[in-house]
Structures are given as C-alpha cells and as structure tokens.
Amino acid sequence: VMVLALMTVELFGMMGLIGIKLSAVPVVILIASVGIGVEFTVHVAL
C-alpha cells in the first residue's frame, strides 16, 4: 500500500513539475503506471 501511495504522489509531482494538466489521457497513463508498479512489486516479492 505504501508503494502505491508513494508512486502516485511521485507521478503527480512530476506531472506538476513538467506542467502536464490532468485530463483523460494522463489519467489513463497514471492508472497503467500504477498497474505496472503493482505487477512489478508482486513479481519481485514472490
């Protein structure tokens, strides 16, 4: 859970630094990034 929270905060922070506005496409990319992060974490943990 902590990994997901930190990853989401980091992604939103980078979007803010780069100047990307929150719209449909970045939200889909954020969801995909969180999914990939979960998959990678489970892969490494097991």
PDB file of N, CA and C in Angstrom:
ATOM      1  N   VAL A   1       0.832  -1.183   0.000  1.00  0.00           N
ATOM      2  CA  VAL A   1       0.000   0.000   0.000  1.00  0.00           C
ATOM      3  C   VAL A   1       0.874   1.243   0.000  1.00  0.00           C
ATOM      4  N   MET A   2       1.947   1.206   0.773  1.00  0.00           N
ATOM      5  CA  MET A   2       2.847   2.362   0.844  1.00  0.00           C
ATOM      6  C   MET A   2       3.495   2.630  -0.512  1.00  0.00           C
ATOM      7  N   VAL A   3       3.842   1.567  -1.223  1.00  0.00           N
ATOM      8  CA  VAL A   3       4.454   1.724  -2.546  1.00  0.00           C
ATOM      9  C   VAL A   3       3.484   2.420  -3.494  1.00  0.00           C
ATOM     10  N   LEU A   4       2.220   2.026  -3.466  1.00  0.00           N
ATOM     11  CA  LEU A   4       1.220   2.648  -4.340  1.00  0.00           C
ATOM     12  C   LEU A   4       1.035   4.123  -4.014  1.00  0.00           C
ATOM     13  N   ALA A   5       0.984   4.442  -2.731  1.00  0.00           N
ATOM     14  CA  ALA A   5       0.801   5.840  -2.335  1.00  0.00           C
ATOM     15  C   ALA A   5       1.989   6.688  -2.767  1.00  0.00           C
ATOM     16  N   LEU A   6       3.193   6.205  -2.511  1.00  0.00           N
ATOM     17  CA  LEU A   6       4.382   6.970  -2.887  1.00  0.00           C
ATOM     18  C   LEU A   6       4.522   7.093  -4.397  1.00  0.00           C
ATOM     19  N   MET A   7       4.191   6.043  -5.120  1.00  0.00           N
ATOM     20  CA  MET A   7       4.287   6.093  -6.577  1.00  0.00           C
ATOM     21  C   MET A   7       3.285   7.103  -7.144  1.00  0.00           C
ATOM     22  N   THR A   8       2.083   7.123  -6.603  1.00  0.00           N
ATOM     23  CA  THR A   8       1.071   8.068  -7.073  1.00  0.00           C
ATOM     24  C   THR A   8       1.482   9.502  -6.772  1.00  0.00           C
ATOM     25  N   VAL A   9       1.996   9.746  -5.574  1.00  0.00           N
ATOM     26  CA  VAL A   9       2.466  11.086  -5.215  1.00  0.00           C
ATOM     27  C   VAL A   9       3.613  11.504  -6.120  1.00  0.00           C
ATOM     28  N   GLU A  10       4.536  10.586  -6.390  1.00  0.00           N
ATOM     29  CA  GLU A  10       5.665  10.899  -7.265  1.00  0.00           C
ATOM     30  C   GLU A  10       5.195  11.222  -8.686  1.00  0.00           C
ATOM     31  N   LEU A  11       4.258  10.446  -9.207  1.00  0.00           N
ATOM     32  CA  LEU A  11       3.751  10.706 -10.558  1.00  0.00           C
ATOM     33  C   LEU A  11       3.029  12.050 -10.641  1.00  0.00           C
ATOM     34  N   PHE A  12       2.201  12.363  -9.643  1.00  0.00           N
ATOM     35  CA  PHE A  12       1.519  13.659  -9.640  1.00  0.00           C
ATOM     36  C   PHE A  12       2.523  14.797  -9.494  1.00  0.00           C
ATOM     37  N   GLY A  13       3.560  14.590  -8.682  1.00  0.00           N
ATOM     38  CA  GLY A  13       4.595  15.610  -8.524  1.00  0.00           C
ATOM     39  C   GLY A  13       5.343  15.882  -9.813  1.00  0.00           C
ATOM     40  N   MET A  14       5.700  14.821 -10.527  1.00  0.00           N
ATOM     41  CA  MET A  14       6.400  15.002 -11.803  1.00  0.00           C
ATOM     42  C   MET A  14       5.496  15.670 -12.832  1.00  0.00           C
ATOM     43  N   MET A  15       4.215  15.314 -12.820  1.00  0.00           N
ATOM     44  CA  MET A  15       3.284  15.970 -13.739  1.00  0.00           C
ATOM     45  C   MET A  15       3.201  17.461 -13.439  1.00  0.00           C
ATOM     46  N   GLY A  16       3.219  17.818 -12.163  1.00  0.00           N
ATOM     47  CA  GLY A  16       3.184  19.227 -11.786  1.00  0.00           C
ATOM     48  C   GLY A  16       4.450  19.958 -12.190  1.00  0.00           C
ATOM     49  N   LEU A  17       5.602  19.314 -12.005  1.00  0.00           N
ATOM     50  CA  LEU A  17       6.873  19.944 -12.380  1.00  0.00           C
ATOM     51  C   LEU A  17       6.981  20.146 -13.883  1.00  0.00           C
ATOM     52  N   ILE A  18       6.535  19.166 -14.636  1.00  0.00           N
ATOM     53  CA  ILE A  18       6.633  19.247 -16.092  1.00  0.00           C
ATOM     54  C   ILE A  18       5.541  20.155 -16.658  1.00  0.00           C
ATOM     55  N   GLY A  19       4.435  20.297 -15.932  1.00  0.00           N
ATOM     56  CA  GLY A  19       3.351  21.159 -16.390  1.00  0.00           C
ATOM     57  C   GLY A  19       2.265  20.430 -17.150  1.00  0.00           C
ATOM     58  N   ILE A  20       2.114  19.136 -16.900  1.00  0.00           N
ATOM     59  CA  ILE A  20       1.075  18.354 -17.572  1.00  0.00           C
ATOM     60  C   ILE A  20      -0.241  18.541 -16.823  1.00  0.00           C
ATOM     61  N   LYS A  21      -1.264  18.960 -17.540  1.00  0.00           N
ATOM     62  CA  LYS A  21      -2.593  19.131 -16.943  1.00  0.00           C
ATOM     63  C   LYS A  21      -3.277  17.766 -16.816  1.00  0.00           C
ATOM     64  N   LEU A  22      -4.127  17.634 -15.812  1.00  0.00           N
ATOM     65  CA  LEU A  22      -4.833  16.382 -15.573  1.00  0.00           C
ATOM     66  C   LEU A  22      -6.043  16.305 -16.505  1.00  0.00           C
ATOM     67  N   SER A  23      -5.986  15.382 -17.461  1.00  0.00           N
ATOM     68  CA  SER A  23      -7.099  15.158 -18.389  1.00  0.00           C
ATOM     69  C   SER A  23      -7.247  13.654 -18.590  1.00  0.00           C
ATOM     70  N   ALA A  24      -7.975  13.247 -19.597  1.00  0.00           N
ATOM     71  CA  ALA A  24      -8.288  11.829 -19.790  1.00  0.00           C
ATOM     72  C   ALA A  24      -7.046  10.991 -20.083  1.00  0.00           C
ATOM     73  N   VAL A  25      -6.186  11.461 -20.970  1.00  0.00           N
ATOM     74  CA  VAL A  25      -5.015  10.665 -21.356  1.00  0.00           C
ATOM     75  C   VAL A  25      -4.024  10.509 -20.200  1.00  0.00           C
ATOM     76  N   PRO A  26      -3.644  11.579 -19.491  1.00  0.00           N
ATOM     77  CA  PRO A  26      -2.743  11.379 -18.347  1.00  0.00           C
ATOM     78  C   PRO A  26      -3.334  10.495 -17.248  1.00  0.00           C
ATOM     79  N   VAL A  27      -4.653  10.538 -17.061  1.00  0.00           N
ATOM     80  CA  VAL A  27      -5.272   9.673 -16.051  1.00  0.00           C
ATOM     81  C   VAL A  27      -5.127   8.210 -16.450  1.00  0.00           C
ATOM     82  N   VAL A  28      -5.320   7.903 -17.722  1.00  0.00           N
ATOM     83  CA  VAL A  28      -5.140   6.526 -18.196  1.00  0.00           C
ATOM     84  C   VAL A  28      -3.689   6.098 -18.016  1.00  0.00           C
ATOM     85  N   ILE A  29      -2.757   6.988 -18.309  1.00  0.00           N
ATOM     86  CA  ILE A  29      -1.337   6.672 -18.135  1.00  0.00           C
ATOM     87  C   ILE A  29      -1.010   6.467 -16.658  1.00  0.00           C
ATOM     88  N   LEU A  30      -1.593   7.276 -15.772  1.00  0.00           N
ATOM     89  CA  LEU A  30      -1.381   7.092 -14.334  1.00  0.00           C
ATOM     90  C   LEU A  30      -1.908   5.738 -13.867  1.00  0.00           C
ATOM     91  N   ILE A  31      -3.088   5.362 -14.325  1.00  0.00           N
ATOM     92  CA  ILE A  31      -3.664   4.068 -13.941  1.00  0.00           C
ATOM     93  C   ILE A  31      -2.793   2.926 -14.450  1.00  0.00           C
ATOM     94  N   ALA A  32      -2.318   3.035 -15.685  1.00  0.00           N
ATOM     95  CA  ALA A  32      -1.445   1.998 -16.239  1.00  0.00           C
ATOM     96  C   ALA A  32      -0.130   1.933 -15.468  1.00  0.00           C
ATOM     97  N   SER A  33       0.408   3.080 -15.080  1.00  0.00           N
ATOM     98  CA  SER A  33       1.662   3.104 -14.326  1.00  0.00           C
ATOM     99  C   SER A  33       1.501   2.445 -12.964  1.00  0.00           C
ATOM    100  N   VAL A  34       0.401   2.716 -12.303  1.00  0.00           N
ATOM    101  CA  VAL A  34       0.145   2.079 -11.007  1.00  0.00           C
ATOM    102  C   VAL A  34      -0.011   0.574 -11.191  1.00  0.00           C
ATOM    103  N   GLY A  35      -0.694   0.149 -12.238  1.00  0.00           N
ATOM    104  CA  GLY A  35      -0.843  -1.286 -12.514  1.00  0.00           C
ATOM    105  C   GLY A  35       0.482  -1.965 -12.773  1.00  0.00           C
ATOM    106  N   ILE A  36       1.339  -1.320 -13.550  1.00  0.00           N
ATOM    107  CA  ILE A  36       2.669  -1.878 -13.817  1.00  0.00           C
ATOM    108  C   ILE A  36       3.487  -1.926 -12.536  1.00  0.00           C
ATOM    109  N   GLY A  37       3.366  -0.895 -11.704  1.00  0.00           N
ATOM    110  CA  GLY A  37       4.089  -0.881 -10.433  1.00  0.00           C
ATOM    111  C   GLY A  37       3.652  -1.997  -9.505  1.00  0.00           C
ATOM    112  N   VAL A  38       2.352  -2.256  -9.456  1.00  0.00           N
ATOM    113  CA  VAL A  38       1.835  -3.350  -8.628  1.00  0.00           C
ATOM    114  C   VAL A  38       2.341  -4.682  -9.158  1.00  0.00           C
ATOM    115  N   GLU A  39       2.284  -4.863 -10.460  1.00  0.00           N
ATOM    116  CA  GLU A  39       2.741  -6.119 -11.061  1.00  0.00           C
ATOM    117  C   GLU A  39       4.220  -6.341 -10.781  1.00  0.00           C
ATOM    118  N   PHE A  40       5.022  -5.296 -10.916  1.00  0.00           N
ATOM    119  CA  PHE A  40       6.455  -5.427 -10.676  1.00  0.00           C
ATOM    120  C   PHE A  40       6.744  -5.730  -9.210  1.00  0.00           C
ATOM    121  N   THR A  41       6.024  -5.066  -8.308  1.00  0.00           N
ATOM    122  CA  THR A  41       6.221  -5.305  -6.876  1.00  0.00           C
ATOM    123  C   THR A  41       5.872  -6.742  -6.511  1.00  0.00           C
ATOM    124  N   VAL A  42       4.771  -7.250  -7.038  1.00  0.00           N
ATOM    125  CA  VAL A  42       4.383  -8.638  -6.770  1.00  0.00           C
ATOM    126  C   VAL A  42       5.403  -9.591  -7.372  1.00  0.00           C
ATOM    127  N   HIS A  43       5.887  -9.285  -8.563  1.00  0.00           N
ATOM    128  CA  HIS A  43       6.884 -10.135  -9.215  1.00  0.00           C
ATOM    129  C   HIS A  43       8.165 -10.214  -8.386  1.00  0.00           C
ATOM    130  N   VAL A  44       8.629  -9.093  -7.874  1.00  0.00           N
ATOM    131  CA  VAL A  44       9.861  -9.068  -7.078  1.00  0.00           C
ATOM    132  C   VAL A  44       9.638  -9.736  -5.725  1.00  0.00           C
ATOM    133  N   ALA A  45       8.465  -9.516  -5.119  1.00  0.00           N
ATOM    134  CA  ALA A  45       8.190 -10.066  -3.794  1.00  0.00           C
ATOM    135  C   ALA A  45       8.049 -11.584  -3.824  1.00  0.00           C
ATOM    136  N   LEU A  46       7.559 -12.127  -4.921  1.00  0.00           N
ATOM    137  CA  LEU A  46       7.365 -13.572  -4.988  1.00  0.00           C
ATOM    138  C   LEU A  46       8.516 -14.175  -5.720  1.00  0.00           C
TER     139      LEU A  46
END
